[in-house]
Amino acid sequence: MVSVSSVWRWAVASNERAVSNARAAATECSRLRVERAEVEQFLATYAASHASTTAHESEAVATAH
């Protein structure tokens, strides 16, 4: 027969593992969210810079002719 204390120890250990897994998953989700935001910010900055450069090049070509 399994003792109550054995079941209790198993329950405590199981809960600790579950909490640890949840903490690790939350950390990974946060890291991915930050990475996604950084990529979006980079792409927005790149697009704005590229649009500005393209506009200046078009203006220079129009002025040259």
PDB file of N, CA and C in Angstrom:
ATOM      1  N   MET A   1       0.834  -1.176   0.000  1.00  0.00           N
ATOM      2  CA  MET A   1       0.000   0.000   0.000  1.00  0.00           C
ATOM      3  C   MET A   1       0.884   1.247   0.000  1.00  0.00           C
ATOM      4  N   VAL A   2       0.452   2.254  -0.691  1.00  0.00           N
ATOM      5  CA  VAL A   2       1.195   3.502  -0.800  1.00  0.00           C
ATOM      6  C   VAL A   2       0.841   4.391   0.381  1.00  0.00           C
ATOM      7  N   SER A   3       1.857   4.946   1.009  1.00  0.00           N
ATOM      8  CA  SER A   3       1.600   5.797   2.173  1.00  0.00           C
ATOM      9  C   SER A   3       1.145   7.188   1.735  1.00  0.00           C
ATOM     10  N   VAL A   4       0.454   7.850   2.625  1.00  0.00           N
ATOM     11  CA  VAL A   4      -0.035   9.203   2.353  1.00  0.00           C
ATOM     12  C   VAL A   4       1.136  10.144   2.144  1.00  0.00           C
ATOM     13  N   SER A   5       2.192   9.972   2.909  1.00  0.00           N
ATOM     14  CA  SER A   5       3.352  10.862   2.757  1.00  0.00           C
ATOM     15  C   SER A   5       4.020  10.679   1.394  1.00  0.00           C
ATOM     16  N   SER A   6       4.034   9.462   0.869  1.00  0.00           N
ATOM     17  CA  SER A   6       4.592   9.232  -0.476  1.00  0.00           C
ATOM     18  C   SER A   6       3.768   9.941  -1.535  1.00  0.00           C
ATOM     19  N   VAL A   7       2.468   9.836  -1.412  1.00  0.00           N
ATOM     20  CA  VAL A   7       1.578  10.513  -2.358  1.00  0.00           C
ATOM     21  C   VAL A   7       1.765  12.023  -2.241  1.00  0.00           C
ATOM     22  N   TRP A   8       1.876  12.523  -1.029  1.00  0.00           N
ATOM     23  CA  TRP A   8       2.060  13.955  -0.805  1.00  0.00           C
ATOM     24  C   TRP A   8       3.369  14.434  -1.428  1.00  0.00           C
ATOM     25  N   ARG A   9       4.452  13.689  -1.218  1.00  0.00           N
ATOM     26  CA  ARG A   9       5.753  14.063  -1.810  1.00  0.00           C
ATOM     27  C   ARG A   9       5.669  14.078  -3.333  1.00  0.00           C
ATOM     28  N   TRP A  10       4.992  13.072  -3.907  1.00  0.00           N
ATOM     29  CA  TRP A  10       4.831  13.025  -5.354  1.00  0.00           C
ATOM     30  C   TRP A  10       4.030  14.242  -5.839  1.00  0.00           C
ATOM     31  N   ALA A  11       2.974  14.587  -5.129  1.00  0.00           N
ATOM     32  CA  ALA A  11       2.140  15.728  -5.526  1.00  0.00           C
ATOM     33  C   ALA A  11       2.929  17.029  -5.463  1.00  0.00           C
ATOM     34  N   VAL A  12       3.712  17.193  -4.415  1.00  0.00           N
ATOM     35  CA  VAL A  12       4.530  18.405  -4.273  1.00  0.00           C
ATOM     36  C   VAL A  12       5.565  18.468  -5.396  1.00  0.00           C
ATOM     37  N   ALA A  13       6.252  17.368  -5.650  1.00  0.00           N
ATOM     38  CA  ALA A  13       7.272  17.335  -6.710  1.00  0.00           C
ATOM     39  C   ALA A  13       6.641  17.585  -8.074  1.00  0.00           C
ATOM     40  N   SER A  14       5.479  16.997  -8.309  1.00  0.00           N
ATOM     41  CA  SER A  14       4.783  17.191  -9.581  1.00  0.00           C
ATOM     42  C   SER A  14       4.392  18.650  -9.771  1.00  0.00           C
ATOM     43  N   ASN A  15       3.890  19.263  -8.723  1.00  0.00           N
ATOM     44  CA  ASN A  15       3.499  20.669  -8.795  1.00  0.00           C
ATOM     45  C   ASN A  15       4.725  21.555  -9.035  1.00  0.00           C
ATOM     46  N   GLU A  16       5.835  21.252  -8.385  1.00  0.00           N
ATOM     47  CA  GLU A  16       7.062  22.039  -8.592  1.00  0.00           C
ATOM     48  C   GLU A  16       7.538  21.946 -10.034  1.00  0.00           C
ATOM     49  N   ARG A  17       7.456  20.737 -10.608  1.00  0.00           N
ATOM     50  CA  ARG A  17       7.833  20.581 -12.024  1.00  0.00           C
ATOM     51  C   ARG A  17       6.895  21.370 -12.928  1.00  0.00           C
ATOM     52  N   ALA A  18       5.603  21.330 -12.630  1.00  0.00           N
ATOM     53  CA  ALA A  18       4.624  22.065 -13.439  1.00  0.00           C
ATOM     54  C   ALA A  18       4.880  23.573 -13.363  1.00  0.00           C
ATOM     55  N   VAL A  19       5.160  24.070 -12.177  1.00  0.00           N
ATOM     56  CA  VAL A  19       5.449  25.502 -12.014  1.00  0.00           C
ATOM     57  C   VAL A  19       6.717  25.873 -12.773  1.00  0.00           C
ATOM     58  N   SER A  20       7.733  25.029 -12.678  1.00  0.00           N
ATOM     59  CA  SER A  20       8.989  25.286 -13.392  1.00  0.00           C
ATOM     60  C   SER A  20       8.764  25.297 -14.907  1.00  0.00           C
ATOM     61  N   ASN A  21       8.000  24.336 -15.397  1.00  0.00           N
ATOM     62  CA  ASN A  21       7.693  24.285 -16.837  1.00  0.00           C
ATOM     63  C   ASN A  21       6.909  25.521 -17.280  1.00  0.00           C
ATOM     64  N   ALA A  22       5.949  25.935 -16.471  1.00  0.00           N
ATOM     65  CA  ALA A  22       5.155  27.122 -16.811  1.00  0.00           C
ATOM     66  C   ALA A  22       6.031  28.365 -16.824  1.00  0.00           C
ATOM     67  N   ARG A  23       6.938  28.473 -15.868  1.00  0.00           N
ATOM     68  CA  ARG A  23       7.838  29.625 -15.815  1.00  0.00           C
ATOM     69  C   ARG A  23       8.742  29.652 -17.055  1.00  0.00           C
ATOM     70  N   ALA A  24       9.272  28.498 -17.424  1.00  0.00           N
ATOM     71  CA  ALA A  24      10.141  28.418 -18.609  1.00  0.00           C
ATOM     72  C   ALA A  24       9.359  28.787 -19.872  1.00  0.00           C
ATOM     73  N   ALA A  25       8.129  28.305 -19.975  1.00  0.00           N
ATOM     74  CA  ALA A  25       7.307  28.615 -21.155  1.00  0.00           C
ATOM     75  C   ALA A  25       6.981  30.105 -21.215  1.00  0.00           C
ATOM     76  N   ALA A  26       6.668  30.701 -20.079  1.00  0.00           N
ATOM     77  CA  ALA A  26       6.362  32.134 -20.051  1.00  0.00           C
ATOM     78  C   ALA A  26       7.585  32.957 -20.439  1.00  0.00           C
ATOM     79  N   THR A  27       8.747  32.534 -19.973  1.00  0.00           N
ATOM     80  CA  THR A  27       9.990  33.234 -20.325  1.00  0.00           C
ATOM     81  C   THR A  27      10.249  33.139 -21.824  1.00  0.00           C
ATOM     82  N   GLU A  28      10.058  31.970 -22.384  1.00  0.00           N
ATOM     83  CA  GLU A  28      10.268  31.786 -23.826  1.00  0.00           C
ATOM     84  C   GLU A  28       9.267  32.618 -24.638  1.00  0.00           C
ATOM     85  N   CYS A  29       8.022  32.642 -24.207  1.00  0.00           N
ATOM     86  CA  CYS A  29       7.014  33.455 -24.902  1.00  0.00           C
ATOM     87  C   CYS A  29       7.381  34.932 -24.852  1.00  0.00           C
ATOM     88  N   SER A  30       7.843  35.393 -23.708  1.00  0.00           N
ATOM     89  CA  SER A  30       8.253  36.795 -23.569  1.00  0.00           C
ATOM     90  C   SER A  30       9.437  37.099 -24.478  1.00  0.00           C
ATOM     91  N   ARG A  31      10.411  36.189 -24.525  1.00  0.00           N
ATOM     92  CA  ARG A  31      11.581  36.387 -25.377  1.00  0.00           C
ATOM     93  C   ARG A  31      11.170  36.475 -26.841  1.00  0.00           C
ATOM     94  N   LEU A  32      10.280  35.597 -27.253  1.00  0.00           N
ATOM     95  CA  LEU A  32       9.820  35.616 -28.648  1.00  0.00           C
ATOM     96  C   LEU A  32       9.027  36.880 -28.955  1.00  0.00           C
ATOM     97  N   ARG A  33       8.223  37.347 -27.994  1.00  0.00           N
ATOM     98  CA  ARG A  33       7.452  38.579 -28.189  1.00  0.00           C
ATOM     99  C   ARG A  33       8.388  39.770 -28.372  1.00  0.00           C
ATOM    100  N   VAL A  34       9.438  39.845 -27.554  1.00  0.00           N
ATOM    101  CA  VAL A  34      10.404  40.942 -27.668  1.00  0.00           C
ATOM    102  C   VAL A  34      11.134  40.853 -29.004  1.00  0.00           C
ATOM    103  N   GLU A  35      11.532  39.642 -29.389  1.00  0.00           N
ATOM    104  CA  GLU A  35      12.230  39.460 -30.665  1.00  0.00           C
ATOM    105  C   GLU A  35      11.339  39.888 -31.833  1.00  0.00           C
ATOM    106  N   ARG A  36      10.072  39.514 -31.789  1.00  0.00           N
ATOM    107  CA  ARG A  36       9.135  39.894 -32.855  1.00  0.00           C
ATOM    108  C   ARG A  36       8.983  41.413 -32.924  1.00  0.00           C
ATOM    109  N   ALA A  37       8.897  42.058 -31.775  1.00  0.00           N
ATOM    110  CA  ALA A  37       8.764  43.523 -31.747  1.00  0.00           C
ATOM    111  C   ALA A  37      10.015  44.182 -32.306  1.00  0.00           C
ATOM    112  N   GLU A  38      11.191  43.636 -31.977  1.00  0.00           N
ATOM    113  CA  GLU A  38      12.440  44.196 -32.506  1.00  0.00           C
ATOM    114  C   GLU A  38      12.520  44.049 -34.018  1.00  0.00           C
ATOM    115  N   VAL A  39      12.099  42.908 -34.540  1.00  0.00           N
ATOM    116  CA  VAL A  39      12.117  42.690 -35.989  1.00  0.00           C
ATOM    117  C   VAL A  39      11.141  43.645 -36.670  1.00  0.00           C
ATOM    118  N   GLU A  40       9.941  43.812 -36.106  1.00  0.00           N
ATOM    119  CA  GLU A  40       8.967  44.737 -36.685  1.00  0.00           C
ATOM    120  C   GLU A  40       9.500  46.162 -36.686  1.00  0.00           C
ATOM    121  N   GLN A  41      10.167  46.557 -35.605  1.00  0.00           N
ATOM    122  CA  GLN A  41      10.733  47.902 -35.525  1.00  0.00           C
ATOM    123  C   GLN A  41      11.844  48.080 -36.560  1.00  0.00           C
ATOM    124  N   PHE A  42      12.698  47.069 -36.704  1.00  0.00           N
ATOM    125  CA  PHE A  42      13.770  47.136 -37.699  1.00  0.00           C
ATOM    126  C   PHE A  42      13.189  47.264 -39.103  1.00  0.00           C
ATOM    127  N   LEU A  43      12.189  46.428 -39.404  1.00  0.00           N
ATOM    128  CA  LEU A  43      11.606  46.468 -40.752  1.00  0.00           C
ATOM    129  C   LEU A  43      10.918  47.804 -41.034  1.00  0.00           C
ATOM    130  N   ALA A  44      10.252  48.363 -40.037  1.00  0.00           N
ATOM    131  CA  ALA A  44       9.607  49.667 -40.224  1.00  0.00           C
ATOM    132  C   ALA A  44      10.653  50.743 -40.462  1.00  0.00           C
ATOM    133  N   THR A  45      11.729  50.711 -39.701  1.00  0.00           N
ATOM    134  CA  THR A  45      12.813  51.689 -39.879  1.00  0.00           C
ATOM    135  C   THR A  45      13.472  51.514 -41.238  1.00  0.00           C
ATOM    136  N   TYR A  46      13.707  50.259 -41.630  1.00  0.00           N
ATOM    137  CA  TYR A  46      14.329  49.978 -42.926  1.00  0.00           C
ATOM    138  C   TYR A  46      13.422  50.454 -44.059  1.00  0.00           C
ATOM    139  N   ALA A  47      12.125  50.170 -43.949  1.00  0.00           N
ATOM    140  CA  ALA A  47      11.195  50.574 -45.004  1.00  0.00           C
ATOM    141  C   ALA A  47      11.149  52.092 -45.130  1.00  0.00           C
ATOM    142  N   ALA A  48      11.133  52.795 -43.998  1.00  0.00           N
ATOM    143  CA  ALA A  48      11.103  54.258 -44.031  1.00  0.00           C
ATOM    144  C   ALA A  48      12.398  54.800 -44.632  1.00  0.00           C
ATOM    145  N   SER A  49      13.510  54.216 -44.263  1.00  0.00           N
ATOM    146  CA  SER A  49      14.804  54.647 -44.793  1.00  0.00           C
ATOM    147  C   SER A  49      14.889  54.362 -46.295  1.00  0.00           C
ATOM    148  N   HIS A  50      14.418  53.180 -46.687  1.00  0.00           N
ATOM    149  CA  HIS A  50      14.460  52.795 -48.096  1.00  0.00           C
ATOM    150  C   HIS A  50      13.546  53.700 -48.929  1.00  0.00           C
ATOM    151  N   ALA A  51      12.388  54.024 -48.403  1.00  0.00           N
ATOM    152  CA  ALA A  51      11.455  54.901 -49.122  1.00  0.00           C
ATOM    153  C   ALA A  51      12.055  56.296 -49.268  1.00  0.00           C
ATOM    154  N   SER A  52      12.725  56.764 -48.231  1.00  0.00           N
ATOM    155  CA  SER A  52      13.353  58.080 -48.269  1.00  0.00           C
ATOM    156  C   SER A  52      14.486  58.100 -49.295  1.00  0.00           C
ATOM    157  N   THR A  53      15.308  57.052 -49.299  1.00  0.00           N
ATOM    158  CA  THR A  53      16.422  56.956 -50.249  1.00  0.00           C
ATOM    159  C   THR A  53      15.899  56.878 -51.674  1.00  0.00           C
ATOM    160  N   THR A  54      14.859  56.092 -51.893  1.00  0.00           N
ATOM    161  CA  THR A  54      14.273  55.952 -53.228  1.00  0.00           C
ATOM    162  C   THR A  54      13.706  57.290 -53.703  1.00  0.00           C
ATOM    163  N   ALA A  55      13.072  58.027 -52.820  1.00  0.00           N
ATOM    164  CA  ALA A  55      12.515  59.333 -53.186  1.00  0.00           C
ATOM    165  C   ALA A  55      13.627  60.302 -53.573  1.00  0.00           C
ATOM    166  N   HIS A  56      14.728  60.302 -52.826  1.00  0.00           N
ATOM    167  CA  HIS A  56      15.851  61.180 -53.151  1.00  0.00           C
ATOM    168  C   HIS A  56      16.499  60.795 -54.467  1.00  0.00           C
ATOM    169  N   GLU A  57      16.609  59.503 -54.729  1.00  0.00           N
ATOM    170  CA  GLU A  57      17.201  59.049 -55.999  1.00  0.00           C
ATOM    171  C   GLU A  57      16.305  59.448 -57.175  1.00  0.00           C
ATOM    172  N   SER A  58      15.005  59.293 -57.024  1.00  0.00           N
ATOM    173  CA  SER A  58      14.065  59.653 -58.097  1.00  0.00           C
ATOM    174  C   SER A  58      14.140  61.167 -58.360  1.00  0.00           C
ATOM    175  N   GLU A  59      14.245  61.919 -57.298  1.00  0.00           N
ATOM    176  CA  GLU A  59      14.333  63.376 -57.425  1.00  0.00           C
ATOM    177  C   GLU A  59      15.636  63.758 -58.145  1.00  0.00           C
ATOM    178  N   ALA A  60      16.723  63.092 -57.823  1.00  0.00           N
ATOM    179  CA  ALA A  60      18.013  63.392 -58.457  1.00  0.00           C
ATOM    180  C   ALA A  60      17.979  63.041 -59.944  1.00  0.00           C
ATOM    181  N   VAL A  61      17.344  61.936 -60.292  1.00  0.00           N
ATOM    182  CA  VAL A  61      17.248  61.534 -61.694  1.00  0.00           C
ATOM    183  C   VAL A  61      16.382  62.524 -62.456  1.00  0.00           C
ATOM    184  N   ALA A  62      15.267  62.972 -61.877  1.00  0.00           N
ATOM    185  CA  ALA A  62      14.383  63.923 -62.538  1.00  0.00           C
ATOM    186  C   ALA A  62      15.088  65.262 -62.729  1.00  0.00           C
ATOM    187  N   THR A  63      15.897  65.674 -61.782  1.00  0.00           N
ATOM    188  CA  THR A  63      16.596  66.944 -61.872  1.00  0.00           C
ATOM    189  C   THR A  63      17.705  66.863 -62.921  1.00  0.00           C
ATOM    190  N   ALA A  64      18.331  65.710 -63.067  1.00  0.00           N
ATOM    191  CA  ALA A  64      19.434  65.541 -64.016  1.00  0.00           C
ATOM    192  C   ALA A  64      18.959  65.613 -65.461  1.00  0.00           C
ATOM    193  N   HIS A  65      17.712  65.270 -65.691  1.00  0.00           N
ATOM    194  CA  HIS A  65      17.219  65.291 -67.083  1.00  0.00           C
ATOM    195  C   HIS A  65      16.681  66.589 -67.382  1.00  0.00           C
TER     196      HIS A  65
END
